[in-house]
Amino acid sequence: MKDRIAELEAALRAQDALIAEAQRLLSDFLRSDGVKHDALIAELRKLLDGPQQREAQRLSREALGEDFGNNA
């Protein structure tokens, strides 16, 4: 049971880190007149469709017992 809890905690922390980074990007964009929409979109896309997101998804699948191999 302790392993399962540790896996769930790791998955939640990974998802939380993604959300925090997306919030930071959006906050920076809203505070700055110099940042272009295209740059923001590129950064968000990289964040939400990149290796950090795939790792968070993998951790979540494993913690929930749904690891069907590398489907990312």
Protein backbone atom coordinates (compact mmCIF):
# COMPACT_ATOMS: atom_id res chain seq x y z
CA MET A 1 0.00 0.00 0.00
CA LYS A 2 2.87 2.39 0.76
CA ASP A 3 4.23 1.92 -2.78
CA ARG A 4 0.83 2.76 -4.24
CA ILE A 5 0.60 5.90 -2.13
CA ALA A 6 4.10 6.95 -3.20
CA GLU A 7 3.17 6.39 -6.85
CA LEU A 8 0.00 8.45 -6.47
CA GLU A 9 1.94 11.24 -4.75
CA ALA A 10 4.53 11.27 -7.54
CA ALA A 11 1.79 11.43 -10.18
CA LEU A 12 0.03 14.28 -8.39
CA ARG A 13 3.29 16.20 -7.97
CA ALA A 14 4.08 15.80 -11.68
CA GLN A 15 0.63 17.06 -12.69
CA ASP A 16 0.88 19.90 -10.18
CA ALA A 17 4.25 20.95 -11.63
CA LEU A 18 2.73 21.10 -15.13
CA ILE A 19 -0.18 23.21 -13.93
CA ALA A 20 2.12 25.56 -12.00
CA GLU A 21 4.37 26.04 -15.03
CA ALA A 22 1.38 26.75 -17.29
CA GLN A 23 0.10 29.28 -14.75
CA ARG A 24 3.52 30.92 -14.60
CA LEU A 25 3.69 31.20 -18.39
CA LEU A 26 0.24 32.77 -18.53
CA SER A 27 1.02 35.17 -15.68
CA ASP A 28 4.26 36.24 -17.35
CA PHE A 29 2.36 36.79 -20.59
CA LEU A 30 -0.30 38.91 -18.92
CA ARG A 31 2.30 41.05 -17.11
CA SER A 32 4.48 41.64 -20.16
CA ASP A 33 3.68 43.66 -23.24
CA GLY A 34 6.73 42.29 -25.05
CA VAL A 35 5.71 38.63 -25.17
CA LYS A 36 4.00 37.62 -28.38
CA HIS A 37 1.00 35.34 -28.56
CA ASP A 38 2.91 32.94 -30.80
CA ALA A 39 5.67 32.55 -28.22
CA LEU A 40 3.17 31.84 -25.45
CA ILE A 41 1.34 29.28 -27.54
CA ALA A 42 4.60 27.58 -28.48
CA GLU A 43 5.68 27.37 -24.83
CA LEU A 44 2.32 26.06 -23.67
CA ARG A 45 2.26 23.53 -26.47
CA LYS A 46 5.75 22.34 -25.59
CA LEU A 47 4.75 22.06 -21.95
CA LEU A 48 1.43 20.28 -22.49
CA ASP A 49 2.52 18.05 -25.37
CA GLY A 50 6.12 17.38 -24.48
CA PRO A 51 8.26 15.06 -22.42
CA GLN A 52 7.19 16.54 -19.07
CA GLN A 53 3.52 15.86 -19.85
CA ARG A 54 4.24 12.36 -21.15
CA GLU A 55 6.12 11.57 -17.94
CA ALA A 56 3.24 12.89 -15.83
CA GLN A 57 0.81 10.76 -17.83
CA ARG A 58 3.02 7.68 -17.41
CA LEU A 59 3.21 8.21 -13.66
CA SER A 60 -0.55 8.61 -13.47
CA ARG A 61 -1.22 5.45 -15.49
CA GLU A 62 1.20 3.44 -13.37
CA ALA A 63 -0.23 4.78 -10.10
CA LEU A 64 -3.73 3.88 -11.23
CA GLY A 65 -2.66 0.45 -12.48
CA GLU A 66 -3.34 1.41 -16.08
CA ASP A 67 0.15 1.12 -17.55
CA PHE A 68 -0.43 -0.39 -20.97
CA GLY A 69 3.11 0.13 -22.13
CA ASN A 70 4.49 3.27 -23.69
CA ASN A 71 1.39 4.82 -25.26
CA ALA A 72 2.62 8.40 -25.06
